[in-house]
Amino acid sequence: MSLGNNIKNILFDVDGTLLDSRRDIAAAQLWTFRQFGIDTLKPEDIYPLIGKPLAETFTALLPQRLHDRIPEAGLIYRDYYRAHAFETTTLFPGVLDTVAALKAKGIRLATATTKSTETTAKVLAHYGIAEYFSHVQGTDNGVFKPDPFIINTILTAMKWHRGETLMVGDTDKDIDVGRNAGVLTCGVTYGTFSREQMAALNPDWIIDHISDLLRIVR
């Protein structure tokens, strides 16, 4: 699409888009479930829910009798995950080179993630890519994607234009939040959703490797 030539800003989801973090996230959630006596779940039960708000995940997987303890489960998960977040997590192949190349092209980068802003900043710094981002934005107020609040917050803070902005992510939440905010959308197929699942969402672009973004903004 020729629209790609107008892109000046790219917003990235983090887990499943920049970071291959699903094993650490699943391990932390499984540990949390065990604290409530639930030991029958497997990582494969967690993977499809990564990127969703914690309360949504716990509502789906905790028995109804434990739903009143979902806020407690969230606190337990966050404490455990913060201590174990970097055990198996890695950048997806090509992320470092791609974000560096995008910045060199004059493209401005930001995050739009369900992680907190504080955690996101720590993660970007840990993996050596913080310097390439003009703005780090997480979800700190309980308003989650696909509500456009997070993108509207970024655009307002940075004075970026919607028509020059691309949202990149690996799930329906990412495509829907971009569409709801009136920005362009790009789905990746190496995270949570397959190419077929992503195609059903009809984003503006679908890519199989993050370096394909360099062709979109050429």
N, C-alpha and C. Protein backbone atom coordinates (compact mmCIF):
# COMPACT_ATOMS: atom_id res chain seq x y z
N MET A 1 0.83 -1.20 0.00
CA MET A 1 0.00 0.00 0.00
C MET A 1 0.86 1.25 0.00
N SER A 2 0.50 2.22 -0.80
CA SER A 2 1.27 3.46 -0.86
C SER A 2 1.16 4.27 0.42
N LEU A 3 0.12 3.99 1.23
CA LEU A 3 -0.04 4.71 2.48
C LEU A 3 1.19 4.62 3.36
N GLY A 4 1.97 3.54 3.20
CA GLY A 4 3.14 3.35 4.03
C GLY A 4 4.13 4.48 3.92
N ASN A 5 4.16 5.16 2.78
CA ASN A 5 5.11 6.25 2.59
C ASN A 5 4.81 7.46 3.48
N ASN A 6 3.61 7.50 4.06
CA ASN A 6 3.22 8.61 4.92
C ASN A 6 3.49 8.36 6.40
N ILE A 7 3.94 7.16 6.73
CA ILE A 7 4.11 6.80 8.13
C ILE A 7 5.33 7.49 8.73
N LYS A 8 5.10 8.21 9.81
CA LYS A 8 6.18 8.87 10.53
C LYS A 8 6.33 8.35 11.96
N ASN A 9 5.30 7.62 12.44
CA ASN A 9 5.28 7.15 13.82
C ASN A 9 4.82 5.70 13.86
N ILE A 10 5.51 4.88 14.65
CA ILE A 10 5.10 3.48 14.82
C ILE A 10 4.94 3.19 16.30
N LEU A 11 3.78 2.64 16.65
CA LEU A 11 3.47 2.23 18.02
C LEU A 11 3.55 0.71 18.09
N PHE A 12 4.29 0.19 19.05
CA PHE A 12 4.49 -1.24 19.17
C PHE A 12 3.81 -1.81 20.42
N ASP A 13 3.07 -2.88 20.22
CA ASP A 13 2.78 -3.77 21.33
C ASP A 13 4.14 -4.36 21.76
N VAL A 14 4.22 -4.89 22.98
CA VAL A 14 5.51 -5.40 23.46
C VAL A 14 5.55 -6.92 23.48
N ASP A 15 4.76 -7.55 24.34
CA ASP A 15 4.77 -9.01 24.42
C ASP A 15 4.16 -9.61 23.16
N GLY A 16 4.92 -10.48 22.51
CA GLY A 16 4.45 -11.11 21.29
C GLY A 16 4.75 -10.33 20.04
N THR A 17 5.30 -9.12 20.20
CA THR A 17 5.63 -8.28 19.05
C THR A 17 7.11 -7.89 19.06
N LEU A 18 7.57 -7.34 20.17
CA LEU A 18 8.99 -7.06 20.36
C LEU A 18 9.68 -8.16 21.15
N LEU A 19 8.98 -8.67 22.16
CA LEU A 19 9.57 -9.66 23.06
C LEU A 19 8.91 -11.02 22.91
N ASP A 20 9.74 -12.06 22.85
CA ASP A 20 9.25 -13.43 22.95
C ASP A 20 9.25 -13.78 24.43
N SER A 21 8.20 -13.38 25.11
CA SER A 21 8.12 -13.44 26.57
C SER A 21 7.11 -14.45 27.07
N ARG A 22 6.55 -15.23 26.20
CA ARG A 22 5.41 -16.04 26.60
C ARG A 22 5.77 -17.10 27.64
N ARG A 23 7.00 -17.62 27.60
CA ARG A 23 7.35 -18.66 28.58
C ARG A 23 7.44 -18.07 29.99
N ASP A 24 8.03 -16.88 30.13
CA ASP A 24 8.11 -16.26 31.45
C ASP A 24 6.74 -15.84 31.95
N ILE A 25 5.91 -15.30 31.06
CA ILE A 25 4.56 -14.90 31.46
C ILE A 25 3.74 -16.12 31.88
N ALA A 26 3.80 -17.18 31.07
CA ALA A 26 3.05 -18.39 31.41
C ALA A 26 3.54 -19.00 32.72
N ALA A 27 4.85 -19.01 32.93
CA ALA A 27 5.38 -19.58 34.17
C ALA A 27 4.89 -18.80 35.38
N ALA A 28 4.85 -17.47 35.26
CA ALA A 28 4.39 -16.64 36.38
C ALA A 28 2.90 -16.84 36.63
N GLN A 29 2.13 -17.00 35.57
CA GLN A 29 0.70 -17.21 35.77
C GLN A 29 0.42 -18.60 36.33
N LEU A 30 1.14 -19.61 35.86
CA LEU A 30 0.96 -20.95 36.40
C LEU A 30 1.34 -21.00 37.87
N TRP A 31 2.41 -20.29 38.25
CA TRP A 31 2.81 -20.21 39.66
C TRP A 31 1.69 -19.56 40.48
N THR A 32 1.09 -18.52 39.93
CA THR A 32 -0.01 -17.84 40.62
C THR A 32 -1.19 -18.78 40.83
N PHE A 33 -1.55 -19.52 39.78
CA PHE A 33 -2.66 -20.46 39.92
C PHE A 33 -2.38 -21.51 40.98
N ARG A 34 -1.13 -21.93 41.07
CA ARG A 34 -0.79 -22.95 42.08
C ARG A 34 -0.99 -22.41 43.50
N GLN A 35 -0.83 -21.10 43.68
CA GLN A 35 -1.05 -20.52 45.01
C GLN A 35 -2.52 -20.61 45.42
N PHE A 36 -3.39 -20.84 44.44
CA PHE A 36 -4.82 -20.99 44.71
C PHE A 36 -5.26 -22.45 44.59
N GLY A 37 -4.28 -23.35 44.55
CA GLY A 37 -4.59 -24.77 44.49
C GLY A 37 -4.92 -25.30 43.12
N ILE A 38 -4.65 -24.51 42.09
CA ILE A 38 -4.94 -24.92 40.71
C ILE A 38 -3.63 -25.38 40.07
N ASP A 39 -3.49 -26.69 39.86
CA ASP A 39 -2.22 -27.20 39.31
C ASP A 39 -2.43 -28.06 38.06
N THR A 40 -3.56 -27.91 37.41
CA THR A 40 -3.88 -28.72 36.23
C THR A 40 -3.62 -27.99 34.92
N LEU A 41 -3.30 -26.70 35.00
CA LEU A 41 -3.10 -25.91 33.78
C LEU A 41 -1.70 -26.13 33.21
N LYS A 42 -1.58 -25.90 31.92
CA LYS A 42 -0.31 -26.03 31.21
C LYS A 42 0.00 -24.72 30.50
N PRO A 43 1.27 -24.50 30.10
CA PRO A 43 1.60 -23.27 29.37
C PRO A 43 0.71 -23.03 28.16
N GLU A 44 0.34 -24.10 27.48
CA GLU A 44 -0.49 -23.97 26.29
C GLU A 44 -1.87 -23.38 26.59
N ASP A 45 -2.31 -23.51 27.86
CA ASP A 45 -3.58 -22.90 28.25
C ASP A 45 -3.44 -21.39 28.42
N ILE A 46 -2.22 -20.95 28.71
CA ILE A 46 -1.95 -19.53 28.97
C ILE A 46 -1.64 -18.76 27.69
N TYR A 47 -0.91 -19.38 26.78
CA TYR A 47 -0.40 -18.66 25.61
C TYR A 47 -1.47 -17.87 24.84
N PRO A 48 -2.66 -18.45 24.58
CA PRO A 48 -3.65 -17.68 23.79
C PRO A 48 -4.18 -16.44 24.51
N LEU A 49 -3.96 -16.35 25.83
CA LEU A 49 -4.49 -15.24 26.61
C LEU A 49 -3.47 -14.15 26.88
N ILE A 50 -2.23 -14.38 26.46
CA ILE A 50 -1.19 -13.38 26.70
C ILE A 50 -1.52 -12.11 25.91
N GLY A 51 -1.37 -10.98 26.57
CA GLY A 51 -1.72 -9.70 25.97
C GLY A 51 -3.07 -9.18 26.42
N LYS A 52 -3.85 -10.06 27.03
CA LYS A 52 -5.13 -9.62 27.58
C LYS A 52 -4.92 -9.10 29.00
N PRO A 53 -5.80 -8.25 29.51
CA PRO A 53 -5.70 -7.82 30.91
C PRO A 53 -5.67 -9.02 31.84
N LEU A 54 -4.91 -8.91 32.93
CA LEU A 54 -4.80 -10.02 33.87
C LEU A 54 -6.16 -10.47 34.39
N ALA A 55 -7.02 -9.52 34.69
CA ALA A 55 -8.33 -9.88 35.24
C ALA A 55 -9.10 -10.76 34.26
N GLU A 56 -8.93 -10.50 32.98
CA GLU A 56 -9.62 -11.29 31.96
C GLU A 56 -9.08 -12.71 31.94
N THR A 57 -7.76 -12.85 32.05
CA THR A 57 -7.14 -14.17 32.08
C THR A 57 -7.58 -14.96 33.30
N PHE A 58 -7.55 -14.31 34.47
CA PHE A 58 -7.92 -15.01 35.69
C PHE A 58 -9.40 -15.34 35.72
N THR A 59 -10.22 -14.49 35.14
CA THR A 59 -11.65 -14.79 35.06
C THR A 59 -11.89 -16.03 34.20
N ALA A 60 -11.10 -16.15 33.13
CA ALA A 60 -11.27 -17.28 32.22
C ALA A 60 -10.80 -18.60 32.82
N LEU A 61 -9.76 -18.55 33.66
CA LEU A 61 -9.12 -19.79 34.09
C LEU A 61 -9.30 -20.14 35.55
N LEU A 62 -9.64 -19.19 36.39
CA LEU A 62 -9.92 -19.52 37.79
C LEU A 62 -11.36 -20.02 37.94
N PRO A 63 -11.60 -20.99 38.81
CA PRO A 63 -12.98 -21.42 39.06
C PRO A 63 -13.82 -20.26 39.59
N GLN A 64 -15.11 -20.33 39.32
CA GLN A 64 -16.03 -19.27 39.74
C GLN A 64 -15.91 -18.98 41.23
N ARG A 65 -15.68 -20.00 42.04
CA ARG A 65 -15.62 -19.81 43.50
C ARG A 65 -14.45 -18.94 43.93
N LEU A 66 -13.47 -18.73 43.02
CA LEU A 66 -12.30 -17.93 43.35
C LEU A 66 -12.30 -16.56 42.69
N HIS A 67 -13.37 -16.24 42.00
CA HIS A 67 -13.40 -14.98 41.26
C HIS A 67 -13.33 -13.75 42.16
N ASP A 68 -13.74 -13.89 43.41
CA ASP A 68 -13.64 -12.75 44.32
C ASP A 68 -12.20 -12.48 44.73
N ARG A 69 -11.28 -13.38 44.38
CA ARG A 69 -9.86 -13.22 44.72
C ARG A 69 -9.01 -12.82 43.51
N ILE A 70 -9.67 -12.43 42.42
CA ILE A 70 -8.94 -12.04 41.21
C ILE A 70 -8.00 -10.86 41.46
N PRO A 71 -8.42 -9.81 42.17
CA PRO A 71 -7.46 -8.73 42.46
C PRO A 71 -6.22 -9.23 43.21
N GLU A 72 -6.41 -10.15 44.15
CA GLU A 72 -5.28 -10.73 44.88
C GLU A 72 -4.38 -11.51 43.94
N ALA A 73 -4.99 -12.26 43.03
CA ALA A 73 -4.21 -13.03 42.05
C ALA A 73 -3.35 -12.11 41.20
N GLY A 74 -3.90 -10.95 40.83
CA GLY A 74 -3.13 -10.00 40.04
C GLY A 74 -1.90 -9.50 40.77
N LEU A 75 -2.04 -9.22 42.05
CA LEU A 75 -0.92 -8.75 42.85
C LEU A 75 0.15 -9.84 42.99
N ILE A 76 -0.30 -11.07 43.23
CA ILE A 76 0.63 -12.19 43.36
C ILE A 76 1.40 -12.39 42.06
N TYR A 77 0.67 -12.35 40.95
CA TYR A 77 1.32 -12.51 39.64
C TYR A 77 2.36 -11.43 39.41
N ARG A 78 2.01 -10.18 39.64
CA ARG A 78 2.94 -9.08 39.34
C ARG A 78 4.21 -9.19 40.18
N ASP A 79 4.07 -9.53 41.44
CA ASP A 79 5.26 -9.67 42.30
C ASP A 79 6.17 -10.78 41.79
N TYR A 80 5.59 -11.90 41.41
CA TYR A 80 6.39 -13.03 40.93
C TYR A 80 7.02 -12.71 39.58
N TYR A 81 6.22 -12.13 38.68
CA TYR A 81 6.71 -11.88 37.33
C TYR A 81 7.86 -10.88 37.34
N ARG A 82 7.76 -9.83 38.15
CA ARG A 82 8.83 -8.83 38.21
C ARG A 82 10.16 -9.45 38.62
N ALA A 83 10.10 -10.49 39.45
CA ALA A 83 11.32 -11.14 39.92
C ALA A 83 11.85 -12.17 38.93
N HIS A 84 11.04 -12.56 37.95
CA HIS A 84 11.43 -13.64 37.04
C HIS A 84 11.24 -13.27 35.57
N ALA A 85 11.09 -11.99 35.28
CA ALA A 85 10.68 -11.57 33.93
C ALA A 85 11.72 -11.82 32.86
N PHE A 86 12.97 -11.98 33.26
CA PHE A 86 14.03 -12.06 32.25
C PHE A 86 14.67 -13.45 32.17
N GLU A 87 14.03 -14.45 32.72
CA GLU A 87 14.67 -15.76 32.79
C GLU A 87 14.78 -16.44 31.43
N THR A 88 13.72 -16.38 30.62
CA THR A 88 13.75 -17.00 29.30
C THR A 88 13.37 -16.03 28.18
N THR A 89 12.94 -14.83 28.54
CA THR A 89 12.48 -13.85 27.54
C THR A 89 13.63 -13.35 26.69
N THR A 90 13.37 -13.20 25.41
CA THR A 90 14.35 -12.65 24.46
C THR A 90 13.64 -11.70 23.50
N LEU A 91 14.40 -10.84 22.85
CA LEU A 91 13.87 -10.10 21.71
C LEU A 91 13.60 -11.08 20.59
N PHE A 92 12.54 -10.85 19.83
CA PHE A 92 12.35 -11.63 18.62
C PHE A 92 13.49 -11.34 17.64
N PRO A 93 13.85 -12.30 16.80
CA PRO A 93 14.91 -12.06 15.83
C PRO A 93 14.64 -10.82 14.98
N GLY A 94 15.65 -9.98 14.85
CA GLY A 94 15.55 -8.80 14.01
C GLY A 94 15.03 -7.56 14.68
N VAL A 95 14.58 -7.65 15.93
CA VAL A 95 14.00 -6.47 16.58
C VAL A 95 15.02 -5.36 16.75
N LEU A 96 16.18 -5.67 17.30
CA LEU A 96 17.18 -4.64 17.55
C LEU A 96 17.58 -3.92 16.26
N ASP A 97 17.91 -4.69 15.23
CA ASP A 97 18.32 -4.08 13.96
C ASP A 97 17.19 -3.27 13.34
N THR A 98 15.97 -3.75 13.48
CA THR A 98 14.84 -3.07 12.84
C THR A 98 14.51 -1.76 13.52
N VAL A 99 14.44 -1.74 14.85
CA VAL A 99 14.12 -0.48 15.52
C VAL A 99 15.24 0.54 15.32
N ALA A 100 16.49 0.06 15.26
CA ALA A 100 17.61 0.97 14.99
C ALA A 100 17.50 1.55 13.58
N ALA A 101 17.15 0.71 12.61
CA ALA A 101 17.02 1.17 11.23
C ALA A 101 15.84 2.12 11.08
N LEU A 102 14.74 1.84 11.75
CA LEU A 102 13.59 2.73 11.68
C LEU A 102 13.93 4.11 12.23
N LYS A 103 14.60 4.14 13.37
CA LYS A 103 14.99 5.44 13.94
C LYS A 103 15.94 6.17 13.00
N ALA A 104 16.85 5.43 12.37
CA ALA A 104 17.79 6.06 11.43
C ALA A 104 17.06 6.66 10.24
N LYS A 105 15.91 6.10 9.88
CA LYS A 105 15.10 6.63 8.79
C LYS A 105 14.29 7.85 9.22
N GLY A 106 14.32 8.18 10.52
CA GLY A 106 13.55 9.30 11.03
C GLY A 106 12.17 8.92 11.51
N ILE A 107 11.88 7.61 11.61
CA ILE A 107 10.60 7.15 12.13
C ILE A 107 10.62 7.24 13.65
N ARG A 108 9.59 7.80 14.23
CA ARG A 108 9.50 7.94 15.69
C ARG A 108 8.74 6.74 16.26
N LEU A 109 9.28 6.15 17.33
CA LEU A 109 8.76 4.91 17.88
C LEU A 109 8.21 5.13 19.28
N ALA A 110 7.15 4.37 19.60
CA ALA A 110 6.58 4.38 20.94
C ALA A 110 6.03 2.99 21.23
N THR A 111 5.77 2.72 22.51
CA THR A 111 5.11 1.47 22.88
C THR A 111 3.65 1.75 23.24
N ALA A 112 2.81 0.75 23.00
CA ALA A 112 1.40 0.79 23.41
C ALA A 112 1.06 -0.61 23.90
N THR A 113 1.21 -0.83 25.20
CA THR A 113 1.19 -2.17 25.75
C THR A 113 0.33 -2.24 27.00
N THR A 114 -0.12 -3.46 27.33
CA THR A 114 -0.87 -3.66 28.57
C THR A 114 0.05 -3.74 29.78
N LYS A 115 1.36 -3.86 29.57
CA LYS A 115 2.29 -3.74 30.69
C LYS A 115 2.19 -2.33 31.27
N SER A 116 2.60 -2.16 32.52
CA SER A 116 2.66 -0.81 33.07
C SER A 116 3.78 -0.03 32.39
N THR A 117 3.70 1.27 32.43
CA THR A 117 4.75 2.10 31.84
C THR A 117 6.09 1.83 32.53
N GLU A 118 6.07 1.70 33.85
CA GLU A 118 7.31 1.45 34.59
C GLU A 118 7.96 0.14 34.17
N THR A 119 7.17 -0.92 34.08
CA THR A 119 7.71 -2.22 33.68
C THR A 119 8.21 -2.18 32.24
N THR A 120 7.47 -1.51 31.37
CA THR A 120 7.87 -1.42 29.97
C THR A 120 9.21 -0.72 29.83
N ALA A 121 9.40 0.38 30.54
CA ALA A 121 10.67 1.10 30.49
C ALA A 121 11.82 0.21 30.95
N LYS A 122 11.60 -0.57 32.00
CA LYS A 122 12.65 -1.47 32.49
C LYS A 122 12.98 -2.55 31.47
N VAL A 123 11.94 -3.07 30.84
CA VAL A 123 12.14 -4.12 29.84
C VAL A 123 12.93 -3.60 28.64
N LEU A 124 12.54 -2.45 28.13
CA LEU A 124 13.25 -1.88 26.98
C LEU A 124 14.72 -1.62 27.31
N ALA A 125 14.96 -1.12 28.52
CA ALA A 125 16.34 -0.86 28.93
C ALA A 125 17.12 -2.16 29.07
N HIS A 126 16.49 -3.17 29.65
CA HIS A 126 17.17 -4.45 29.87
C HIS A 126 17.63 -5.06 28.55
N TYR A 127 16.81 -4.94 27.52
CA TYR A 127 17.13 -5.55 26.23
C TYR A 127 17.83 -4.59 25.26
N GLY A 128 18.21 -3.43 25.76
CA GLY A 128 19.06 -2.54 24.98
C GLY A 128 18.38 -1.82 23.83
N ILE A 129 17.08 -1.59 23.92
CA ILE A 129 16.39 -0.91 22.82
C ILE A 129 15.69 0.38 23.27
N ALA A 130 15.84 0.75 24.54
CA ALA A 130 15.14 1.94 25.05
C ALA A 130 15.52 3.19 24.28
N GLU A 131 16.77 3.30 23.86
CA GLU A 131 17.25 4.52 23.21
C GLU A 131 16.55 4.80 21.88
N TYR A 132 15.92 3.80 21.31
CA TYR A 132 15.28 3.97 20.01
C TYR A 132 13.84 4.47 20.12
N PHE A 133 13.32 4.57 21.33
CA PHE A 133 11.92 4.93 21.52
C PHE A 133 11.77 6.37 22.00
N SER A 134 10.95 7.13 21.28
CA SER A 134 10.68 8.51 21.65
C SER A 134 9.74 8.60 22.84
N HIS A 135 8.90 7.57 23.01
CA HIS A 135 7.91 7.60 24.09
C HIS A 135 7.61 6.19 24.53
N VAL A 136 7.58 5.97 25.84
CA VAL A 136 7.22 4.67 26.41
C VAL A 136 5.88 4.83 27.11
N GLN A 137 4.89 4.09 26.64
CA GLN A 137 3.55 4.19 27.21
C GLN A 137 3.02 2.80 27.52
N GLY A 138 2.65 2.59 28.77
CA GLY A 138 1.98 1.37 29.16
C GLY A 138 0.58 1.68 29.61
N THR A 139 -0.07 0.68 30.23
CA THR A 139 -1.42 0.84 30.73
C THR A 139 -1.36 0.96 32.25
N ASP A 140 -1.65 2.14 32.76
CA ASP A 140 -1.51 2.41 34.19
C ASP A 140 -2.83 2.73 34.88
N ASN A 141 -3.90 2.85 34.10
CA ASN A 141 -5.15 3.35 34.67
C ASN A 141 -6.30 2.35 34.59
N GLY A 142 -6.00 1.11 34.18
CA GLY A 142 -7.05 0.10 34.09
C GLY A 142 -7.90 0.17 32.84
N VAL A 143 -7.56 1.07 31.91
CA VAL A 143 -8.29 1.15 30.64
C VAL A 143 -7.44 0.44 29.59
N PHE A 144 -7.87 -0.73 29.17
CA PHE A 144 -7.05 -1.59 28.34
C PHE A 144 -7.46 -1.56 26.87
N LYS A 145 -6.52 -1.92 25.99
CA LYS A 145 -6.86 -2.16 24.60
C LYS A 145 -7.98 -3.19 24.53
N PRO A 146 -8.95 -3.02 23.63
CA PRO A 146 -8.96 -2.15 22.45
C PRO A 146 -9.52 -0.75 22.67
N ASP A 147 -9.75 -0.34 23.90
CA ASP A 147 -10.11 1.06 24.13
C ASP A 147 -8.98 1.93 23.59
N PRO A 148 -9.27 2.96 22.82
CA PRO A 148 -8.22 3.76 22.17
C PRO A 148 -7.49 4.71 23.12
N PHE A 149 -7.80 4.67 24.40
CA PHE A 149 -7.21 5.63 25.34
C PHE A 149 -5.69 5.64 25.26
N ILE A 150 -5.06 4.47 25.20
CA ILE A 150 -3.60 4.43 25.23
C ILE A 150 -2.99 5.12 24.01
N ILE A 151 -3.58 4.89 22.83
CA ILE A 151 -3.06 5.54 21.63
C ILE A 151 -3.36 7.03 21.66
N ASN A 152 -4.56 7.40 22.09
CA ASN A 152 -4.88 8.82 22.18
C ASN A 152 -3.93 9.54 23.14
N THR A 153 -3.55 8.86 24.22
CA THR A 153 -2.61 9.45 25.18
C THR A 153 -1.27 9.72 24.52
N ILE A 154 -0.79 8.76 23.74
CA ILE A 154 0.50 8.93 23.06
C ILE A 154 0.43 10.06 22.04
N LEU A 155 -0.60 10.04 21.21
CA LEU A 155 -0.70 11.04 20.15
C LEU A 155 -0.81 12.45 20.73
N THR A 156 -1.54 12.58 21.82
CA THR A 156 -1.69 13.89 22.45
C THR A 156 -0.36 14.35 23.05
N ALA A 157 0.30 13.43 23.77
CA ALA A 157 1.55 13.79 24.44
C ALA A 157 2.64 14.17 23.43
N MET A 158 2.69 13.44 22.32
CA MET A 158 3.76 13.64 21.35
C MET A 158 3.38 14.57 20.19
N LYS A 159 2.09 14.94 20.14
CA LYS A 159 1.58 15.78 19.05
C LYS A 159 1.81 15.11 17.69
N TRP A 160 1.54 13.82 17.65
CA TRP A 160 1.65 13.05 16.42
C TRP A 160 0.28 12.97 15.75
N HIS A 161 0.28 12.87 14.40
CA HIS A 161 -0.96 12.82 13.64
C HIS A 161 -1.40 11.37 13.40
N ARG A 162 -2.70 11.14 13.49
CA ARG A 162 -3.24 9.78 13.33
C ARG A 162 -2.91 9.19 11.96
N GLY A 163 -3.05 10.00 10.93
CA GLY A 163 -2.84 9.49 9.58
C GLY A 163 -1.40 9.15 9.27
N GLU A 164 -0.48 9.54 10.16
CA GLU A 164 0.94 9.25 9.98
C GLU A 164 1.43 8.20 10.98
N THR A 165 0.49 7.51 11.63
CA THR A 165 0.83 6.61 12.72
C THR A 165 0.38 5.18 12.41
N LEU A 166 1.24 4.22 12.75
CA LEU A 166 0.97 2.80 12.51
C LEU A 166 1.05 2.05 13.85
N MET A 167 0.04 1.25 14.15
CA MET A 167 0.03 0.39 15.32
C MET A 167 0.41 -1.02 14.89
N VAL A 168 1.42 -1.60 15.57
CA VAL A 168 1.92 -2.94 15.22
C VAL A 168 1.71 -3.87 16.41
N GLY A 169 1.08 -5.01 16.17
CA GLY A 169 0.86 -5.95 17.26
C GLY A 169 0.52 -7.34 16.77
N ASP A 170 0.35 -8.25 17.73
CA ASP A 170 0.19 -9.67 17.38
C ASP A 170 -1.17 -10.25 17.72
N THR A 171 -2.12 -9.43 18.23
CA THR A 171 -3.43 -9.97 18.59
C THR A 171 -4.56 -9.07 18.08
N ASP A 172 -5.77 -9.55 18.27
CA ASP A 172 -6.94 -8.77 17.88
C ASP A 172 -7.02 -7.45 18.65
N LYS A 173 -6.57 -7.45 19.92
CA LYS A 173 -6.61 -6.23 20.72
C LYS A 173 -5.79 -5.13 20.06
N ASP A 174 -4.65 -5.51 19.47
CA ASP A 174 -3.77 -4.51 18.86
C ASP A 174 -4.36 -3.94 17.57
N ILE A 175 -4.94 -4.81 16.78
CA ILE A 175 -5.55 -4.33 15.54
C ILE A 175 -6.78 -3.49 15.85
N ASP A 176 -7.58 -3.96 16.78
CA ASP A 176 -8.81 -3.24 17.13
C ASP A 176 -8.50 -1.88 17.77
N VAL A 177 -7.47 -1.81 18.64
CA VAL A 177 -7.16 -0.52 19.27
C VAL A 177 -6.68 0.47 18.22
N GLY A 178 -5.90 0.00 17.25
CA GLY A 178 -5.46 0.89 16.19
C GLY A 178 -6.63 1.40 15.36
N ARG A 179 -7.51 0.49 15.02
CA ARG A 179 -8.69 0.89 14.24
C ARG A 179 -9.57 1.84 15.03
N ASN A 180 -9.77 1.56 16.32
CA ASN A 180 -10.60 2.42 17.16
C ASN A 180 -10.01 3.81 17.33
N ALA A 181 -8.68 3.90 17.25
CA ALA A 181 -8.00 5.19 17.40
C ALA A 181 -7.83 5.91 16.07
N GLY A 182 -8.19 5.27 14.98
CA GLY A 182 -8.10 5.92 13.68
C GLY A 182 -6.71 5.97 13.10
N VAL A 183 -5.84 4.98 13.50
CA VAL A 183 -4.49 4.91 12.93
C VAL A 183 -4.39 3.69 12.04
N LEU A 184 -3.30 3.59 11.28
CA LEU A 184 -3.05 2.43 10.45
C LEU A 184 -2.67 1.24 11.33
N THR A 185 -2.84 0.03 10.79
CA THR A 185 -2.59 -1.17 11.60
C THR A 185 -1.74 -2.18 10.84
N CYS A 186 -0.91 -2.89 11.61
CA CYS A 186 -0.07 -3.95 11.05
C CYS A 186 -0.05 -5.12 12.03
N GLY A 187 -0.42 -6.30 11.55
CA GLY A 187 -0.40 -7.49 12.38
C GLY A 187 0.83 -8.34 12.09
N VAL A 188 1.43 -8.89 13.13
CA VAL A 188 2.57 -9.79 12.97
C VAL A 188 2.09 -11.22 13.17
N THR A 189 2.76 -12.16 12.50
CA THR A 189 2.31 -13.55 12.53
C THR A 189 3.23 -14.45 13.35
N TYR A 190 4.25 -13.86 13.98
CA TYR A 190 5.22 -14.67 14.73
C TYR A 190 4.93 -14.66 16.23
N GLY A 191 3.84 -13.97 16.66
CA GLY A 191 3.49 -13.90 18.07
C GLY A 191 2.38 -14.85 18.42
N THR A 192 1.23 -14.32 18.84
CA THR A 192 0.13 -15.15 19.31
C THR A 192 -0.76 -15.65 18.18
N PHE A 193 -1.06 -14.79 17.21
CA PHE A 193 -2.00 -15.14 16.15
C PHE A 193 -1.27 -15.68 14.91
N SER A 194 -1.88 -16.68 14.28
CA SER A 194 -1.36 -17.19 13.01
C SER A 194 -1.70 -16.20 11.89
N ARG A 195 -1.15 -16.44 10.71
CA ARG A 195 -1.45 -15.59 9.57
C ARG A 195 -2.95 -15.63 9.26
N GLU A 196 -3.55 -16.81 9.35
CA GLU A 196 -4.96 -16.94 9.05
C GLU A 196 -5.82 -16.15 10.04
N GLN A 197 -5.46 -16.25 11.32
CA GLN A 197 -6.20 -15.50 12.34
C GLN A 197 -6.01 -14.00 12.15
N MET A 198 -4.81 -13.60 11.81
CA MET A 198 -4.55 -12.18 11.61
C MET A 198 -5.27 -11.67 10.37
N ALA A 199 -5.28 -12.45 9.30
CA ALA A 199 -5.95 -12.03 8.07
C ALA A 199 -7.43 -11.79 8.30
N ALA A 200 -8.03 -12.56 9.20
CA ALA A 200 -9.46 -12.40 9.48
C ALA A 200 -9.76 -11.05 10.13
N LEU A 201 -8.74 -10.42 10.71
CA LEU A 201 -8.92 -9.11 11.36
C LEU A 201 -8.80 -7.96 10.36
N ASN A 202 -8.27 -8.25 9.17
CA ASN A 202 -8.15 -7.27 8.09
C ASN A 202 -7.36 -6.02 8.47
N PRO A 203 -6.13 -6.21 9.00
CA PRO A 203 -5.29 -5.03 9.23
C PRO A 203 -4.81 -4.45 7.90
N ASP A 204 -4.21 -3.28 7.95
CA ASP A 204 -3.70 -2.68 6.71
C ASP A 204 -2.53 -3.47 6.14
N TRP A 205 -1.72 -4.04 7.01
CA TRP A 205 -0.62 -4.90 6.59
C TRP A 205 -0.52 -6.10 7.50
N ILE A 206 0.04 -7.20 6.98
CA ILE A 206 0.42 -8.36 7.78
C ILE A 206 1.87 -8.67 7.44
N ILE A 207 2.70 -8.87 8.48
CA ILE A 207 4.11 -9.18 8.25
C ILE A 207 4.49 -10.44 9.01
N ASP A 208 5.46 -11.18 8.44
CA ASP A 208 5.94 -12.42 9.04
C ASP A 208 7.24 -12.24 9.80
N HIS A 209 7.89 -11.09 9.61
CA HIS A 209 9.14 -10.78 10.31
C HIS A 209 9.15 -9.28 10.56
N ILE A 210 9.66 -8.89 11.70
CA ILE A 210 9.59 -7.46 12.05
C ILE A 210 10.34 -6.59 11.06
N SER A 211 11.38 -7.14 10.42
CA SER A 211 12.15 -6.34 9.45
C SER A 211 11.31 -5.95 8.24
N ASP A 212 10.17 -6.63 8.03
CA ASP A 212 9.28 -6.26 6.92
C ASP A 212 8.72 -4.86 7.08
N LEU A 213 8.78 -4.30 8.28
CA LEU A 213 8.34 -2.92 8.48
C LEU A 213 9.18 -1.95 7.66
N LEU A 214 10.41 -2.28 7.41
CA LEU A 214 11.29 -1.40 6.65
C LEU A 214 10.81 -1.23 5.21
N ARG A 215 10.11 -2.24 4.70
CA ARG A 215 9.53 -2.12 3.35
C ARG A 215 8.27 -1.28 3.37
N ILE A 216 7.53 -1.36 4.47
CA ILE A 216 6.29 -0.59 4.56
C ILE A 216 6.56 0.90 4.61
N VAL A 217 7.61 1.31 5.31
CA VAL A 217 7.89 2.75 5.48
C VAL A 217 8.98 3.24 4.53
N ARG A 218 9.31 2.50 3.51
CA ARG A 218 10.41 2.87 2.61
C ARG A 218 10.17 4.25 2.01
